[in-house]
Protein backbone atom coordinates (compact mmCIF):
# COMPACT_ATOMS: atom_id res chain seq x y z
CA MET A 1 29.33 36.38 -54.63
CA ASP A 2 29.34 35.88 -58.58
CA VAL A 3 32.59 38.12 -58.78
CA LEU A 4 34.24 35.72 -56.40
CA LEU A 5 32.95 32.72 -58.20
CA GLN A 6 34.19 34.30 -61.36
CA GLN A 7 37.71 34.53 -59.90
CA ILE A 8 37.73 30.99 -58.51
CA LEU A 9 36.85 29.81 -62.17
CA ASN A 10 39.64 31.75 -63.50
CA GLY A 11 42.09 30.56 -60.71
CA LEU A 12 41.19 26.97 -61.45
CA THR A 13 41.71 27.51 -65.26
CA LEU A 14 45.11 28.87 -64.78
CA GLY A 15 46.10 26.57 -61.95
CA GLY A 16 45.03 23.49 -63.83
CA THR A 17 47.09 24.45 -66.88
CA TYR A 18 50.25 25.47 -64.71
CA SER A 19 49.88 22.11 -62.80
CA LEU A 20 49.91 19.96 -65.94
CA VAL A 21 53.01 21.63 -67.28
CA ALA A 22 54.72 21.61 -63.93
CA LEU A 23 53.88 17.93 -63.45
CA GLY A 24 55.82 17.08 -66.55
CA LEU A 25 58.65 19.10 -65.50
CA THR A 26 58.80 17.70 -61.94
CA LEU A 27 58.42 14.12 -63.22
CA VAL A 28 61.55 14.56 -65.33
CA TYR A 29 63.56 16.23 -62.58
CA GLY A 30 62.39 13.94 -59.75
CA ILE A 31 63.39 10.84 -61.70
CA LEU A 32 66.26 11.93 -63.90
CA HIS A 33 67.41 15.24 -62.14
CA VAL A 34 67.30 16.99 -65.37
CA PRO A 35 66.24 20.57 -65.37
CA ASN A 36 64.49 20.38 -68.72
CA PHE A 37 64.35 24.05 -69.87
CA ALA A 38 63.12 22.68 -73.15
CA HIS A 39 59.73 21.57 -71.66
CA GLY A 40 58.31 25.07 -72.64
CA ALA A 41 59.17 24.34 -76.12
CA PHE A 42 57.27 20.93 -75.93
CA TYR A 43 54.30 22.95 -74.80
CA MET A 44 54.59 25.39 -77.71
CA VAL A 45 55.00 22.38 -80.19
CA GLY A 46 51.92 20.80 -78.80
CA ALA A 47 49.93 24.11 -79.42
CA PHE A 48 51.23 24.40 -82.94
CA VAL A 49 50.67 20.61 -83.95
CA SER A 50 46.94 20.98 -82.70
CA TYR A 51 46.54 24.26 -84.44
CA HIS A 52 48.02 22.88 -87.81
CA LEU A 53 45.94 19.62 -87.61
CA MET A 54 42.75 21.65 -87.21
CA ALA A 55 43.55 24.54 -89.46
CA ALA A 56 45.25 22.85 -92.29
CA TRP A 57 43.87 19.22 -92.05
CA GLY A 58 40.39 19.92 -90.71
CA ALA A 59 40.69 17.58 -87.76
CA ASN A 60 38.41 17.38 -84.80
CA TYR A 61 39.52 19.14 -81.57
CA TRP A 62 39.86 16.02 -79.79
CA VAL A 63 41.63 14.17 -82.60
CA ALA A 64 44.02 17.20 -82.95
CA MET A 65 44.77 16.94 -79.08
CA VAL A 66 45.45 13.11 -79.29
CA GLY A 67 47.67 13.76 -82.43
CA SER A 68 49.51 16.57 -80.73
CA ALA A 69 50.11 14.38 -77.60
CA VAL A 70 51.61 11.53 -79.70
CA VAL A 71 53.76 13.84 -81.65
CA VAL A 72 55.14 15.52 -78.59
CA ALA A 73 55.50 12.29 -76.62
CA VAL A 74 57.60 10.98 -79.48
CA LEU A 75 59.56 14.27 -79.69
CA ALA A 76 60.40 14.20 -75.84
CA ALA A 77 61.37 10.58 -75.84
CA LEU A 78 63.75 11.16 -78.85
CA SER A 79 65.25 14.14 -76.95
CA GLU A 80 65.88 12.07 -73.93
CA ARG A 81 67.39 9.40 -76.15
CA LEU A 82 69.52 11.56 -78.47
CA ILE A 83 70.36 14.50 -76.07
CA PHE A 84 69.93 13.82 -72.43
CA HIS A 85 70.89 10.08 -72.40
CA PRO A 86 74.56 10.73 -73.63
CA LEU A 87 74.78 13.22 -70.81
CA ARG A 88 73.58 11.05 -68.02
CA HIS A 89 77.09 10.85 -66.35
CA HIS A 90 77.65 14.58 -66.57
CA GLU A 91 76.52 16.97 -63.85
CA GLY A 92 76.25 20.71 -63.61
CA LEU A 93 75.87 22.76 -66.61
CA HIS A 94 76.07 20.09 -69.40
CA PRO A 95 72.31 19.05 -69.26
CA MET A 96 71.18 22.48 -68.79
CA ILE A 97 72.94 23.84 -71.70
CA ALA A 98 71.60 20.82 -73.87
CA ALA A 99 68.21 21.80 -72.82
CA ILE A 100 68.47 25.44 -73.59
CA GLY A 101 69.99 24.54 -76.98
CA LEU A 102 67.01 22.20 -77.69
CA LEU A 103 64.61 24.98 -76.59
CA LEU A 104 66.14 27.43 -79.10
CA PHE A 105 66.24 24.81 -81.77
CA LEU A 106 62.49 23.99 -81.43
CA GLU A 107 61.60 27.73 -81.28
CA ALA A 108 63.54 28.44 -84.51
CA GLY A 109 61.92 25.44 -86.18
CA ALA A 110 58.41 26.45 -85.12
CA GLN A 111 59.03 29.94 -86.68
CA ALA A 112 60.47 28.39 -89.86
CA LEU A 113 57.50 26.10 -90.16
CA TRP A 114 54.63 28.28 -89.21
CA GLY A 115 56.08 31.81 -89.04
CA ALA A 116 56.37 34.42 -86.16
CA ASP A 117 52.69 35.62 -86.23
CA PHE A 118 50.26 35.27 -83.46
CA ARG A 119 47.53 32.74 -84.15
CA ARG A 120 44.31 31.95 -82.54
CA MET A 121 43.18 28.31 -82.12
CA SER A 122 39.57 27.51 -82.93
CA THR A 123 37.54 25.44 -80.52
CA PRO A 124 33.96 23.91 -80.82
CA TYR A 125 33.35 24.82 -77.24
CA GLY A 126 33.02 28.71 -77.78
CA GLY A 127 29.72 29.12 -75.82
CA ILE A 128 29.14 30.61 -72.34
CA VAL A 129 27.22 29.24 -69.52
CA ASN A 130 25.95 30.79 -66.28
CA ILE A 131 26.95 29.17 -62.84
CA PHE A 132 25.35 30.69 -59.89
CA GLY A 133 25.25 34.07 -61.55
CA ALA A 134 28.76 33.91 -62.91
CA THR A 135 29.46 33.58 -66.53
CA ALA A 136 31.94 30.80 -67.62
CA PRO A 137 33.13 30.08 -71.14
CA VAL A 138 32.74 26.42 -71.90
CA GLN A 139 36.40 26.16 -72.89
CA ARG A 140 37.52 27.38 -69.36
CA LEU A 141 35.26 24.64 -67.79
CA LEU A 142 36.75 22.16 -70.31
CA ILE A 143 40.20 23.14 -69.13
CA ILE A 144 39.43 22.48 -65.55
CA ALA A 145 37.79 19.15 -66.20
CA GLY A 146 40.47 17.99 -68.45
CA ALA A 147 43.44 19.13 -66.24
CA PHE A 148 42.05 17.57 -63.16
CA SER A 149 41.06 14.52 -64.87
CA LEU A 150 44.55 13.94 -66.25
CA MET A 151 46.08 14.71 -62.96
CA LEU A 152 43.90 12.02 -61.41
CA ALA A 153 44.85 9.58 -64.08
CA LEU A 154 48.49 10.30 -63.72
CA HIS A 155 48.11 9.71 -59.91
CA LEU A 156 46.37 6.32 -60.54
CA PHE A 157 49.03 5.26 -63.14
CA LEU A 158 51.91 6.05 -60.65
CA THR A 159 50.36 4.48 -57.78
CA ARG A 160 48.19 1.56 -59.24
CA THR A 161 50.23 -0.01 -62.10
CA VAL A 162 53.43 -1.81 -62.25
CA THR A 163 54.89 0.46 -64.95
CA GLY A 164 54.03 3.58 -62.57
CA SER A 165 55.68 1.86 -59.64
CA THR A 166 58.82 1.39 -61.66
CA ILE A 167 58.84 5.21 -62.12
CA VAL A 168 58.35 5.93 -58.50
CA ALA A 169 61.21 3.29 -57.76
CA MET A 170 63.47 5.19 -60.11
CA ALA A 171 62.68 8.42 -58.39
CA GLN A 172 63.47 7.02 -54.90
CA ASN A 173 66.67 5.34 -55.91
CA ARG A 174 67.96 5.18 -59.48
CA GLU A 175 70.86 2.75 -58.73
CA GLY A 176 68.79 0.52 -56.34
CA ALA A 177 66.08 0.21 -59.04
CA SER A 178 68.55 -0.61 -61.61
CA LEU A 179 70.01 -3.41 -59.26
CA MET A 180 66.47 -4.71 -58.97
CA GLY A 181 66.21 -5.40 -62.74
CA ILE A 182 64.40 -2.16 -63.67
CA ASP A 183 65.25 -0.94 -67.16
CA ALA A 184 66.63 2.70 -66.39
CA THR A 185 66.64 3.64 -70.00
CA ARG A 186 63.08 2.49 -70.81
CA VAL A 187 61.83 4.18 -67.80
CA ALA A 188 63.63 7.46 -68.61
CA MET A 189 62.21 7.52 -72.16
CA LEU A 190 58.78 6.82 -70.78
CA THR A 191 59.00 9.61 -68.18
CA PHE A 192 59.99 12.14 -70.90
CA ALA A 193 57.07 10.82 -73.08
CA ILE A 194 54.72 11.30 -70.35
CA SER A 195 55.90 14.86 -69.68
CA GLY A 196 55.52 15.58 -73.35
CA VAL A 197 51.89 14.28 -73.30
CA LEU A 198 51.12 16.71 -70.34
CA ALA A 199 52.59 19.58 -72.04
CA ALA A 200 50.65 19.01 -75.25
CA VAL A 201 47.34 18.48 -73.66
CA ALA A 202 47.88 21.54 -71.51
CA ALA A 203 48.66 23.69 -74.64
CA THR A 204 45.79 22.39 -76.58
CA LEU A 205 43.41 23.12 -73.67
CA TYR A 206 44.59 26.51 -73.06
CA SER A 207 45.42 27.83 -76.53
CA PRO A 208 41.78 28.63 -77.55
CA ILE A 209 41.76 31.21 -74.86
CA GLY A 210 45.25 32.43 -75.57
CA LEU A 211 47.53 32.79 -78.48
CA VAL A 212 49.79 30.39 -80.38
CA PHE A 213 53.18 31.80 -81.25
CA PRO A 214 56.85 30.41 -81.26
CA ALA A 215 57.85 32.05 -77.81
CA MET A 216 54.66 31.12 -76.00
CA GLY A 217 56.37 28.51 -73.84
CA ASN A 218 58.86 30.78 -72.50
CA LEU A 219 56.77 32.48 -69.67
CA VAL A 220 54.93 29.26 -69.04
CA ILE A 221 58.14 27.27 -68.32
CA THR A 222 59.37 29.98 -66.10
CA LYS A 223 56.28 29.88 -64.01
CA ALA A 224 56.46 26.11 -63.94
CA PHE A 225 59.97 26.29 -62.51
CA VAL A 226 58.54 28.60 -59.89
CA ILE A 227 55.86 26.08 -59.15
CA ILE A 228 58.03 23.14 -58.69
CA ILE A 229 60.35 25.15 -56.45
CA LEU A 230 57.46 26.25 -54.48
CA GLY A 231 56.13 22.71 -54.13
CA GLY A 232 59.43 21.08 -53.53
CA MET A 233 61.71 19.93 -56.33
CA GLY A 234 60.58 16.40 -57.63
CA SER A 235 57.31 16.50 -55.57
CA VAL A 236 54.06 15.54 -57.73
CA PRO A 237 51.63 16.87 -54.84
CA GLY A 238 53.84 19.87 -54.67
CA ALA A 239 53.57 20.63 -58.47
CA ILE A 240 49.65 20.49 -58.29
CA LEU A 241 49.35 22.53 -55.12
CA GLY A 242 52.07 25.14 -56.36
CA GLY A 243 50.21 25.39 -59.64
CA LEU A 244 46.88 26.15 -57.91
CA ILE A 245 48.53 28.65 -55.59
CA ILE A 246 50.10 30.54 -58.56
CA GLY A 247 46.87 30.22 -60.67
CA PHE A 248 44.58 31.58 -57.92
CA ALA A 249 47.20 34.42 -57.02
CA GLU A 250 47.32 35.69 -60.59
CA ALA A 251 43.61 35.48 -61.07
CA PHE A 252 42.87 37.43 -57.97
CA ALA A 253 45.76 39.91 -58.62
CA ALA A 254 44.56 40.57 -62.22
CA PHE A 255 41.18 41.43 -60.94
CA TYR A 256 41.68 43.39 -57.77
CA ILE A 257 45.11 45.07 -58.71
CA SER A 258 45.79 45.07 -62.46
CA THR A 259 46.54 42.67 -65.30
CA ASP A 260 49.95 44.58 -65.62
CA TYR A 261 51.09 42.92 -62.45
CA GLN A 262 49.55 39.51 -63.06
CA ASP A 263 52.72 37.74 -64.21
CA ILE A 264 54.79 39.29 -61.20
CA VAL A 265 52.67 37.59 -58.62
CA ALA A 266 54.28 34.28 -59.11
CA PHE A 267 57.80 35.49 -58.44
CA VAL A 268 56.75 37.47 -55.36
CA LEU A 269 55.19 34.41 -53.85
CA LEU A 270 58.27 32.52 -54.63
CA VAL A 271 60.25 34.87 -52.59
CA VAL A 272 57.73 34.94 -49.68
CA ILE A 273 57.25 31.18 -49.33
CA LEU A 274 60.84 30.20 -49.96
CA SER A 275 61.85 32.79 -47.08
CA LEU A 276 59.41 30.91 -44.61
CA ARG A 277 60.03 27.53 -46.12
CA PRO A 278 63.25 27.15 -48.09
CA GLU A 279 62.71 23.43 -49.00
CA GLY A 280 59.33 24.35 -50.64
CA LEU A 281 55.85 23.24 -49.57
CA PHE A 282 56.68 19.63 -49.89
CA LYS A 283 60.07 17.92 -49.27
CA GLN A 284 61.25 16.03 -52.40
CA ARG A 285 59.55 12.78 -52.88
CA ALA A 286 58.22 10.50 -55.53
CA ARG A 287 54.50 10.72 -54.78
């Protein structure tokens, strides 16, 4: 029983992190139809900013998380304004090439600033607690609580606030929303900023049990794309459910099969689920 509970905790840890990253990605795609490959670089920048604030400036963990979220939100909003907004009338490869270029630029910039070495982020929550016989690092419990709290906050924001309603309206019909007086430019920048906050928080939560390095966002963003395809492109519930499915699958595969095959599980599930349900678990919708 404790072994099963241990894997459930591991699955919730991975699933919560993946869902946060995938939520930011699916928000941008669902509203702007931009496949933002640079989202993994936002995740990486969030981790490095938090690491730098704590290691170089001695900032508190939570202060570093807030500072990282602000920096990445501004970076994401500027990216929308300077890179994606001029390409808004172009379809096909133009936005994707721009996103890949931004990804490479941010990775090169991180390597120039912080080097290519692997770094370990410190955390004040390094203890271990026992839950019904299973040992759980406090940081993992923090990841689970933080990730699902942020998901709930995002849901309430999208469904209970006027600003959130404008984002939902843009996702349903961009032209119609513009005709109703919604400022599409402001909503687009806000959407990118929110996606940046989600990526930065996810990175700051997970990095203490992982490693911080310039290419750390590549595998995460690949899995995030798998998740939003599984859940249905543009679907917020699909991103959450897809993240949990991948997280649990990886946790159980790592324990019962081998950690060598952990990262392959996401792509095997993608093939299996899309062969049964090509449109994903959820059809595209705003909420």
